[in-house]
Protein backbone atom coordinates (compact mmCIF):
# COMPACT_ATOMS: atom_id res chain seq x y z
CA MET A 1 273.48 75.45 -70.21
CA THR A 2 275.85 78.41 -70.30
CA ASN A 3 279.45 77.42 -69.66
CA TRP A 4 279.96 78.43 -66.04
CA LYS A 5 283.66 79.18 -66.38
CA THR A 6 282.96 81.68 -69.17
CA LEU A 7 280.14 83.23 -67.17
CA SER A 8 282.33 83.42 -64.08
CA ALA A 9 285.07 85.21 -65.99
CA VAL A 10 282.57 87.78 -67.27
CA LEU A 11 281.17 88.33 -63.79
CA LEU A 12 284.63 88.68 -62.30
CA GLY A 13 285.67 91.16 -64.97
CA SER A 14 282.56 93.19 -64.35
CA ALA A 15 283.17 93.07 -60.62
CA MET A 16 286.76 94.25 -61.02
CA LEU A 17 285.66 97.21 -63.18
CA THR A 18 283.00 98.08 -60.63
CA ALA A 19 285.51 97.73 -57.82
CA CYS A 20 287.94 100.09 -59.57
CA LYS A 21 285.18 102.68 -60.05
CA SER A 22 283.96 102.26 -56.49
CA SER A 23 287.50 102.49 -55.16
CA SER A 24 288.00 105.84 -56.85
CA ASP A 25 284.68 107.09 -55.46
CA ASN A 26 284.61 105.90 -51.86
CA ASN A 27 287.53 103.48 -51.39
CA GLU A 28 285.14 100.59 -50.67
CA PRO A 29 285.47 97.26 -52.51
CA ALA A 30 282.43 96.28 -54.56
CA VAL A 31 283.04 92.62 -55.35
CA THR A 32 279.93 90.84 -54.07
CA PRO A 33 280.03 87.42 -52.38
CA GLN A 34 278.26 85.99 -55.42
CA GLN A 35 280.93 87.37 -57.75
CA GLU A 36 283.71 86.08 -55.53
CA LEU A 37 282.08 82.63 -55.54
CA ALA A 38 281.84 82.74 -59.33
CA ALA A 39 285.56 83.45 -59.55
CA ARG A 40 286.40 80.57 -57.22
CA LEU A 41 284.20 78.20 -59.19
CA ALA A 42 285.95 79.31 -62.38
CA ALA A 43 289.31 78.43 -60.86
CA PHE A 44 288.23 75.02 -59.60
CA PRO A 45 289.64 72.14 -61.70
CA GLN A 46 287.31 69.69 -63.43
CA GLU A 47 289.36 66.75 -62.14
CA GLY A 48 288.59 67.77 -58.57
CA VAL A 49 290.77 68.53 -55.57
CA GLU A 50 291.86 66.31 -52.70
CA LEU A 51 290.91 67.44 -49.22
CA PRO A 52 293.82 67.93 -46.81
CA PHE A 53 294.63 65.09 -44.41
CA SER A 54 297.11 64.05 -41.74
CA VAL A 55 298.34 60.58 -40.74
CA LEU A 56 296.82 58.88 -37.69
CA ARG A 57 299.30 56.00 -37.69
CA ASP A 58 301.74 54.37 -40.11
CA ASP A 59 302.97 51.34 -38.19
CA LEU A 60 300.49 48.72 -39.41
CA ILE A 61 301.55 46.20 -42.03
CA ASP A 62 299.61 46.02 -45.29
CA GLY A 63 298.29 42.48 -45.71
CA LYS A 64 298.99 42.56 -49.45
CA THR A 65 302.31 44.40 -49.79
CA MET A 66 303.67 43.43 -46.35
CA ALA A 67 304.92 47.01 -46.02
CA PRO A 68 303.74 49.66 -43.55
CA PHE A 69 300.76 51.70 -44.68
CA GLU A 70 299.08 54.93 -43.61
CA VAL A 71 295.83 55.21 -41.72
CA ARG A 72 294.90 58.73 -42.70
CA ASN A 73 292.97 61.33 -40.77
CA GLY A 74 290.84 62.14 -43.77
CA GLY A 75 287.46 60.45 -43.84
CA TYR A 76 285.58 63.72 -44.40
CA GLY A 77 283.14 62.38 -46.92
CA SER A 78 280.47 60.37 -45.14
CA ALA A 79 278.30 63.47 -45.26
CA MET A 80 278.51 67.02 -46.56
CA THR A 81 276.39 70.15 -46.29
CA ALA A 82 276.51 73.82 -47.20
CA HIS A 83 277.49 76.47 -44.69
CA PRO A 84 274.12 78.17 -44.11
CA SER A 85 275.41 81.69 -44.75
CA ASN A 86 278.97 81.74 -46.14
CA LEU A 87 279.12 81.15 -49.88
CA GLY A 88 281.84 78.78 -51.01
CA GLU A 89 282.09 77.10 -47.60
CA PHE A 90 280.89 73.66 -46.53
CA TYR A 91 280.96 71.21 -43.68
CA ALA A 92 281.92 67.55 -44.06
CA MET A 93 281.64 64.80 -41.47
CA THR A 94 283.55 61.61 -40.75
CA ASP A 95 281.92 58.34 -39.83
CA ARG A 96 282.91 56.28 -36.79
CA GLY A 97 286.60 56.37 -37.66
CA PRO A 98 289.06 53.99 -39.32
CA ASN A 99 287.53 50.52 -39.40
CA ALA A 100 287.36 47.43 -41.54
CA ASP A 101 285.65 44.06 -41.47
CA PHE A 102 287.21 41.60 -39.04
CA VAL A 103 286.56 37.87 -39.37
CA GLY A 104 287.42 34.93 -37.19
CA GLY A 105 287.39 36.83 -33.93
CA ALA A 106 287.09 34.87 -30.71
CA TYR A 107 284.22 37.10 -29.59
CA GLY A 108 282.09 37.07 -32.71
CA SER A 109 282.14 38.90 -36.01
CA GLY A 110 282.83 42.59 -35.96
CA LYS A 111 285.07 45.43 -37.00
CA SER A 112 288.73 46.20 -36.58
CA PHE A 113 289.28 49.72 -35.22
CA PRO A 114 292.92 50.74 -35.79
CA VAL A 115 292.34 53.94 -33.76
CA ALA A 116 289.92 52.81 -31.06
CA ASP A 117 289.66 56.19 -29.34
CA TYR A 118 288.93 58.12 -32.53
CA THR A 119 286.38 60.90 -32.09
CA PRO A 120 283.94 61.45 -35.00
CA ARG A 121 284.12 65.04 -36.18
CA ILE A 122 282.87 67.75 -38.49
CA GLY A 123 285.30 69.67 -40.66
CA HIS A 124 284.71 73.22 -41.91
CA PHE A 125 286.12 73.82 -45.41
CA ARG A 126 286.09 76.36 -48.22
CA ILE A 127 287.17 76.46 -51.82
CA THR A 128 289.99 78.92 -52.38
CA ALA A 129 290.66 81.57 -55.00
CA ASN A 130 293.41 79.48 -56.58
CA GLY A 131 291.25 76.41 -57.11
CA GLY A 132 292.04 74.54 -53.92
CA VAL A 133 290.30 73.44 -50.72
CA GLU A 134 291.37 74.53 -47.26
CA GLN A 135 290.18 73.35 -43.87
CA LEU A 136 289.15 76.17 -41.56
CA ALA A 137 288.17 74.33 -38.38
CA THR A 138 287.49 70.96 -36.76
CA ILE A 139 284.53 70.31 -34.46
CA LEU A 140 284.90 67.22 -32.26
CA LEU A 141 281.59 65.60 -31.31
CA LYS A 142 280.76 65.36 -27.62
CA ARG A 143 278.29 63.96 -25.11
CA PRO A 144 275.92 66.34 -23.30
CA ASP A 145 278.50 66.60 -20.48
CA GLY A 146 281.16 67.78 -22.92
CA THR A 147 283.28 64.61 -22.96
CA LEU A 148 284.34 63.27 -26.35
CA ILE A 149 282.32 60.49 -27.96
CA THR A 150 283.84 57.55 -29.81
CA GLY A 151 282.80 55.70 -32.93
CA LEU A 152 282.40 52.39 -31.10
CA PRO A 153 279.11 50.48 -31.44
CA ASN A 154 276.04 51.09 -29.28
CA THR A 155 274.63 48.49 -26.92
CA SER A 156 271.90 46.26 -28.32
CA ALA A 157 269.16 48.13 -26.45
CA LEU A 158 269.94 51.29 -28.41
CA GLY A 159 270.53 49.90 -31.88
CA GLY A 160 273.71 47.86 -31.64
CA THR A 161 273.67 44.85 -33.95
CA GLY A 162 276.29 42.74 -32.22
CA GLU A 163 279.37 44.12 -33.95
CA THR A 164 282.34 43.37 -31.72
CA PRO A 165 285.08 46.02 -31.81
CA TYR A 166 288.58 44.57 -32.22
CA ASN A 167 292.09 45.91 -32.16
CA PRO A 168 294.17 45.17 -35.29
CA ASP A 169 295.93 42.33 -33.42
CA GLY A 170 292.62 40.51 -32.92
CA THR A 171 292.13 41.29 -29.26
CA PRO A 172 288.82 42.87 -28.30
CA ILE A 173 288.65 46.54 -27.44
CA VAL A 174 287.93 46.64 -23.72
CA VAL A 175 287.03 49.26 -21.13
CA ASP A 176 290.55 49.29 -19.64
CA PRO A 177 293.04 48.72 -22.46
CA THR A 178 295.87 48.11 -19.98
CA GLN A 179 294.18 44.95 -18.70
CA PRO A 180 293.06 41.72 -20.41
CA TYR A 181 289.44 41.04 -21.29
CA ASP A 182 287.18 39.82 -18.51
CA ALA A 183 283.44 39.59 -19.04
CA ALA A 184 282.73 40.84 -15.52
CA THR A 185 285.53 43.24 -14.64
CA ASN A 186 286.85 44.43 -18.01
CA PRO A 187 284.19 43.85 -20.68
CA ILE A 188 284.16 44.76 -24.35
CA LYS A 189 283.88 48.52 -24.72
CA LEU A 190 280.69 49.85 -26.28
CA ASP A 191 279.43 53.42 -26.39
CA ASP A 192 275.77 54.43 -26.37
CA TYR A 193 276.89 57.86 -27.56
CA GLY A 194 279.03 56.26 -30.27
CA LEU A 195 278.15 57.65 -33.67
CA ASP A 196 278.64 56.20 -37.14
CA GLY A 197 277.71 59.47 -38.81
CA GLU A 198 276.42 59.45 -42.38
CA GLY A 199 274.08 62.45 -42.75
CA LEU A 200 274.58 66.11 -41.85
CA VAL A 201 272.74 69.43 -41.98
CA ALA A 202 273.94 72.81 -40.69
CA LEU A 203 271.43 75.25 -39.23
CA ARG A 204 271.49 79.02 -39.28
CA ASP A 205 271.98 79.17 -35.50
CA GLY A 206 275.33 77.36 -35.87
CA SER A 207 274.12 73.95 -34.69
CA PHE A 208 274.04 70.65 -36.61
CA TRP A 209 271.81 67.62 -36.99
CA ALA A 210 273.56 64.35 -37.85
CA SER A 211 272.15 60.91 -38.71
CA ASP A 212 273.95 57.63 -38.30
CA GLU A 213 274.12 53.92 -39.11
CA TYR A 214 273.89 52.60 -35.58
CA GLY A 215 270.45 53.31 -34.11
CA PRO A 216 269.55 54.84 -36.43
CA HIS A 217 269.91 58.06 -34.49
CA MET A 218 269.34 61.69 -35.43
CA VAL A 219 271.49 63.75 -33.08
CA HIS A 220 271.43 67.52 -32.56
CA PHE A 221 274.82 69.06 -31.75
CA ASP A 222 275.44 72.67 -30.81
CA ALA A 223 278.04 74.81 -32.58
CA GLU A 224 280.78 73.39 -30.32
CA GLY A 225 279.82 69.78 -31.05
CA ARG A 226 278.00 69.06 -27.78
CA GLU A 227 274.84 66.90 -28.00
CA ILE A 228 271.64 68.78 -27.16
CA ASP A 229 268.89 66.52 -28.52
CA ARG A 230 268.33 63.08 -30.03
CA ILE A 231 265.70 61.24 -32.08
CA ASN A 232 265.61 57.45 -32.56
CA PRO A 233 263.14 54.51 -32.57
CA PHE A 234 263.82 53.51 -28.96
CA THR A 235 261.09 54.77 -26.64
CA ALA A 236 263.04 53.64 -23.56
CA ASP A 237 265.90 55.98 -24.42
CA THR A 238 265.49 58.86 -21.97
CA ARG A 239 267.64 61.12 -24.16
CA THR A 240 264.90 61.45 -26.79
CA ARG A 241 261.91 63.81 -26.97
CA ILE A 242 260.70 62.52 -30.37
CA ASN A 243 260.83 58.92 -31.54
CA LEU A 244 261.03 57.47 -35.02
CA PRO A 245 258.54 54.72 -35.92
CA ALA A 246 259.53 51.45 -34.24
CA GLU A 247 260.19 49.72 -37.58
CA TYR A 248 263.35 51.78 -38.06
CA ALA A 249 265.02 49.64 -35.41
CA TYR A 250 265.05 46.92 -38.09
CA ARG A 251 267.70 48.77 -40.08
CA ARG A 252 270.25 46.54 -41.76
CA ALA A 253 273.61 46.46 -39.98
CA ASN A 254 275.98 49.10 -41.38
CA ARG A 255 273.21 50.41 -43.66
CA GLY A 256 271.27 52.78 -41.49
CA MET A 257 270.19 56.39 -41.96
CA GLU A 258 272.74 57.31 -44.61
CA GLY A 259 271.18 60.57 -45.74
CA LEU A 260 269.79 63.58 -43.88
CA ALA A 261 268.26 66.82 -45.11
CA ILE A 262 266.23 69.67 -43.67
CA THR A 263 263.57 71.79 -45.28
CA PRO A 264 264.55 75.42 -46.03
CA ASP A 265 262.38 76.65 -43.14
CA GLU A 266 264.41 74.38 -40.80
CA LYS A 267 261.22 72.86 -39.41
CA THR A 268 261.38 69.32 -40.82
CA LEU A 269 264.21 66.78 -40.86
CA VAL A 270 264.15 64.25 -43.71
CA GLY A 271 266.07 61.01 -43.20
CA LEU A 272 266.97 58.48 -45.89
CA MET A 273 267.70 54.80 -45.23
CA GLN A 274 270.64 53.38 -47.16
CA SER A 275 269.14 50.08 -48.28
CA THR A 276 266.18 47.78 -47.70
CA MET A 277 265.68 47.28 -43.99
CA ASP A 278 265.62 43.82 -42.43
CA LEU A 279 261.91 44.22 -41.88
CA PRO A 280 261.11 41.79 -40.41
CA THR A 281 264.23 39.67 -41.20
CA LYS A 282 267.28 39.76 -43.49
CA ALA A 283 265.40 37.49 -45.92
CA VAL A 284 263.95 40.65 -47.52
CA ARG A 285 267.13 42.74 -47.82
CA ALA A 286 268.17 42.09 -51.47
CA GLN A 287 265.56 44.47 -52.88
CA THR A 288 265.00 48.00 -54.19
CA ILE A 289 262.50 49.17 -51.56
CA THR A 290 263.92 51.82 -49.22
CA ARG A 291 262.37 54.31 -46.83
CA ILE A 292 262.34 58.06 -46.23
CA VAL A 293 261.15 59.48 -42.91
CA THR A 294 260.18 63.07 -42.13
CA VAL A 295 260.18 64.55 -38.63
CA ASN A 296 258.55 67.88 -37.83
CA LEU A 297 260.79 69.31 -35.12
CA GLU A 298 258.06 71.56 -33.73
CA THR A 299 255.11 69.14 -33.58
CA GLY A 300 256.80 65.74 -33.67
CA GLU A 301 254.63 64.72 -36.63
CA ILE A 302 256.12 61.84 -38.62
CA GLY A 303 255.80 61.07 -42.34
CA GLN A 304 257.07 58.07 -44.28
CA TYR A 305 257.65 57.53 -47.98
CA LEU A 306 259.18 54.89 -50.24
CA TYR A 307 262.11 55.32 -52.62
CA GLN A 308 262.73 52.75 -55.37
CA GLN A 309 266.39 52.05 -56.13
CA GLU A 310 267.77 51.27 -59.57
CA LYS A 311 269.37 48.00 -58.45
CA ALA A 312 268.70 45.68 -55.53
CA ALA A 313 270.83 46.39 -52.45
CA ASN A 314 272.13 49.69 -53.80
CA SER A 315 273.13 52.41 -51.35
CA ASN A 316 271.27 55.71 -50.90
CA SER A 317 274.17 57.74 -49.58
CA GLU A 318 273.14 61.39 -49.32
CA MET A 319 270.16 63.72 -49.36
CA VAL A 320 269.90 67.49 -49.89
CA GLY A 321 266.82 69.67 -49.45
CA LEU A 322 265.89 72.06 -52.26
CA SER A 323 262.38 72.96 -51.06
CA ASN A 324 259.82 71.53 -48.65
CA THR A 325 259.11 68.73 -51.15
CA ASP A 326 262.05 68.67 -53.60
CA PHE A 327 265.22 66.83 -52.65
CA LEU A 328 268.37 65.36 -54.13
CA VAL A 329 269.17 61.69 -53.51
CA LEU A 330 272.60 60.21 -54.14
CA GLU A 331 272.26 56.56 -55.18
CA ARG A 332 275.27 54.37 -55.81
CA ASP A 333 276.57 50.84 -55.88
CA GLY A 334 279.74 49.69 -54.09
CA SER A 335 281.93 49.05 -57.10
CA PHE A 336 285.12 50.69 -58.36
CA LEU A 337 285.33 51.88 -61.96
CA TYR A 338 289.03 50.98 -62.12
CA GLY A 339 289.02 47.96 -59.83
CA GLY A 340 289.95 49.37 -56.45
CA PRO A 341 291.57 46.94 -53.99
CA LYS A 342 290.58 43.97 -56.16
CA GLY A 343 292.68 45.19 -59.08
CA ALA A 344 291.75 44.01 -62.56
CA ALA A 345 289.19 41.59 -61.14
CA GLY A 346 287.26 44.51 -59.68
CA VAL A 347 287.09 46.75 -62.77
CA THR A 348 283.43 47.75 -63.23
CA PRO A 349 282.70 49.79 -66.38
CA ASN A 350 279.00 50.06 -65.46
CA ALA A 351 279.60 51.36 -61.94
CA GLN A 352 276.67 53.45 -60.70
CA LYS A 353 277.29 56.82 -59.00
CA GLN A 354 274.25 58.96 -59.67
CA VAL A 355 272.24 61.87 -58.26
CA TYR A 356 268.45 62.03 -58.62
CA ARG A 357 265.86 64.72 -57.97
CA ILE A 358 262.81 63.49 -56.07
CA ASP A 359 259.48 65.05 -55.10
CA LEU A 360 258.01 63.81 -51.83
CA SER A 361 254.55 65.06 -52.80
CA THR A 362 254.39 62.41 -55.53
CA GLY A 363 254.77 59.50 -53.11
CA THR A 364 252.33 57.92 -50.68
CA ASN A 365 252.68 58.99 -47.06
CA LEU A 366 252.61 55.66 -45.23
CA GLU A 367 251.60 57.35 -41.98
CA THR A 368 248.39 58.88 -43.37
CA VAL A 369 247.43 56.46 -46.15
CA THR A 370 243.79 55.38 -46.15
CA LEU A 371 243.70 51.84 -44.80
CA GLN A 372 242.08 49.28 -47.08
CA ALA A 373 241.01 45.74 -46.24
CA GLY A 374 243.92 43.82 -44.70
CA MET A 375 246.00 46.95 -43.99
CA VAL A 376 247.07 47.60 -40.40
CA GLN A 377 249.38 50.12 -38.73
CA ASP A 378 251.34 47.64 -36.61
CA PRO A 379 253.08 49.29 -33.61
CA ASP A 380 256.28 47.32 -34.20
CA LEU A 381 256.39 46.67 -37.95
CA GLY A 382 254.65 49.76 -39.29
CA LEU A 383 252.13 49.51 -42.11
CA THR A 384 251.36 45.90 -42.96
CA ILE A 385 249.20 44.30 -45.64
CA ASN A 386 247.61 40.99 -44.76
CA GLY A 387 250.13 40.56 -41.98
CA LYS A 388 253.18 41.27 -44.19
CA THR A 389 255.54 44.22 -44.05
CA LEU A 390 255.84 46.31 -47.20
CA GLU A 391 259.26 44.76 -47.76
CA GLN A 392 257.70 41.30 -47.71
CA VAL A 393 254.90 42.41 -50.03
CA VAL A 394 257.41 43.65 -52.60
CA LEU A 395 259.49 40.49 -52.21
CA ASP A 396 256.46 38.35 -52.99
CA GLY A 397 254.70 40.45 -55.61
CA GLY A 398 256.95 43.27 -56.74
CA TRP A 399 256.13 46.97 -56.67
CA ASP A 400 252.86 46.29 -58.52
CA ALA A 401 251.57 44.60 -55.39
CA LEU A 402 251.82 47.93 -53.58
CA ALA A 403 250.34 49.89 -56.47
CA THR A 404 247.20 47.75 -56.36
CA VAL A 405 246.46 49.16 -52.89
CA GLY A 406 247.39 52.73 -53.78
CA ILE A 407 250.95 52.84 -52.43
CA TYR A 408 253.55 54.44 -54.70
CA PRO A 409 257.20 55.47 -54.29
CA VAL A 410 258.29 59.07 -54.85
CA ASN A 411 259.00 60.12 -58.43
CA LYS A 412 262.67 60.43 -59.33
CA THR A 413 264.56 62.03 -62.23
CA LEU A 414 268.24 61.53 -63.05
CA LEU A 415 270.18 64.74 -62.49
CA LEU A 416 273.84 63.71 -62.68
CA ASP A 417 275.84 60.59 -63.55
CA MET A 418 279.38 60.98 -62.21
CA VAL A 419 280.75 57.96 -64.05
CA VAL A 420 279.74 59.64 -67.29
CA GLU A 421 280.70 63.14 -66.16
CA ALA A 422 284.00 62.42 -64.45
CA ASN A 423 285.04 58.77 -64.91
CA TYR A 424 284.41 58.65 -61.19
CA PRO A 425 286.93 56.22 -59.66
CA HIS A 426 285.73 56.03 -56.04
CA ASP A 427 283.41 53.41 -54.59
CA LYS A 428 281.74 55.56 -51.94
CA MET A 429 280.33 58.73 -53.45
CA GLU A 430 278.61 59.98 -50.29
CA GLY A 431 278.67 63.79 -50.00
CA LEU A 432 276.58 66.42 -51.82
CA TRP A 433 276.87 70.20 -51.45
CA ARG A 434 274.35 72.55 -53.03
CA ILE A 435 276.67 75.44 -53.81
CA ASP A 436 274.08 77.57 -55.61
CA GLU A 437 271.27 77.02 -58.10
CA GLY A 438 273.68 75.93 -60.80
CA HIS A 439 276.49 74.03 -59.09
CA LEU A 440 276.76 70.84 -57.07
CA GLY A 441 279.72 69.63 -55.01
CA ILE A 442 280.38 65.88 -54.81
CA LEU A 443 282.62 64.23 -52.22
CA ASN A 444 283.64 60.64 -51.50
CA ASP A 445 284.26 58.74 -48.29
CA ASP A 446 287.85 57.48 -48.51
CA ASP A 447 287.51 55.18 -45.45
CA PHE A 448 290.60 56.83 -43.94
CA ALA A 449 292.55 55.13 -46.77
CA THR A 450 292.01 51.83 -44.96
CA TRP A 451 290.65 48.55 -46.33
CA SER A 452 290.64 44.87 -45.47
CA THR A 453 290.68 41.66 -47.46
CA GLY A 454 289.70 38.53 -45.58
CA GLY A 455 289.75 40.55 -42.39
CA VAL A 456 293.39 41.66 -42.87
CA LEU A 457 294.03 45.42 -42.97
CA GLU A 458 295.61 47.08 -45.99
CA GLN A 459 295.86 50.42 -47.79
CA LYS A 460 292.73 51.35 -49.70
CA MET A 461 293.65 51.71 -53.37
CA LEU A 462 291.70 53.04 -56.34
CA ASP A 463 294.03 51.29 -58.75
CA ALA A 464 297.50 49.78 -58.55
CA ALA A 465 299.16 53.18 -58.05
CA THR A 466 296.58 55.46 -56.42
CA ILE A 467 295.62 55.60 -52.74
CA ASP A 468 292.00 56.56 -52.21
CA ALA A 469 291.56 60.05 -50.79
CA GLY A 470 288.67 62.42 -50.25
CA ARG A 471 288.28 64.39 -53.46
CA LEU A 472 285.85 67.23 -54.08
CA TYR A 473 284.35 67.55 -57.56
CA ILE A 474 282.14 70.42 -58.71
CA ARG A 475 279.68 70.04 -61.56
CA GLU A 476 277.00 72.15 -63.19
CA ALA A 477 273.48 71.04 -62.28
CA ASP A 478 270.05 72.62 -62.32
CA LEU A 479 269.16 72.90 -58.64
CA SER A 480 266.50 75.56 -59.05
CA VAL A 481 262.94 75.11 -57.81
CA ASP A 482 259.70 76.61 -59.05
């Protein structure tokens, strides 16, 4: 592959000569957007660039160092997508806000939310001429009535899995924070509009679709961040006009619809589940079988496909559409190359942070597959074989057990290995940006620089000296389609 920095320099030089000639003729600049993008890519450093951030609070005490640490208003890495028309610009989304595992709570297991009223948001960014990244705008996500949403869990009827939200001091987050908890008059605060966003696409009309880890939900937001539509598996939810298959309600807690893409014609959403669903129970979760769902936004037609992970319980963390059938899938584990918060004990030389190309047309559509003896489309569990879900079939007999009845996962081909390419130090590689046919942006979720060990909050570290932060990398990759 031609070195893109050399090519960019040639293009920029040519553009400058053309601009000089044009300027003398008609005083109009002639540098094209493509040439400007090439120059910006040429200036972008191989080691990547940190996204800008502010500090949400710095009064909490780190459980390891016993010194105050920063909860940072970064977090723009749970999802990423190209601006639909402006070259060199992208959107990135936060998840539900700063949070960490909380154990030993009086009201059940859950999460600590250091900033309980945090509003999930979309940031608008661009790469600059001097090799940096600047934030252009922030879009706060809102309910249909225009009020701000939170990142707090949904109720159980709409996908909540019993996660109790706690303050850092161990008290539950309640409806009226000025008063103590009371089950009847001041209950634990939940939010059916709460979003734990993990997938994002930007449409040409300025609106966005986002997917999340709660429902799972697919939510349509207008250009100002106001909800205008919603898709989920819950038929009783009056906010929906299209429903996902009922089996998607069996998503594993905190491992929901982690990736979202849209076909180039903007007619079909494609959602990617992070890990094996608890279908029908968590006994099946330590496997490599994961699901992809397609939703035709015009007809409501649903498709389903299987994706086979490289390792059991890996995380599929992003999806990008290249054509109506070709997509990128980001697959990773949860380890740190240089140890992360666990220090030397956490060093993982074989950490996996990879991007694959897949072709949906090579997999079996579970919604239209010809039913053989023992196969049933169960209204709650989806396609079953002799009374077992596909997850149970693979648990008992491996992927060969599905192949014997003509069910195959989509084909996948390794495109990029960021541990090899960049000694990638982050645990959560979660954002992909198709810049053009030859360049791919990669972004991590820094968890707002917040971590916990044994339920005690601390600064999230990549190594002994480096705080985790959202960092954009750009790498050459063949993203062309036939």
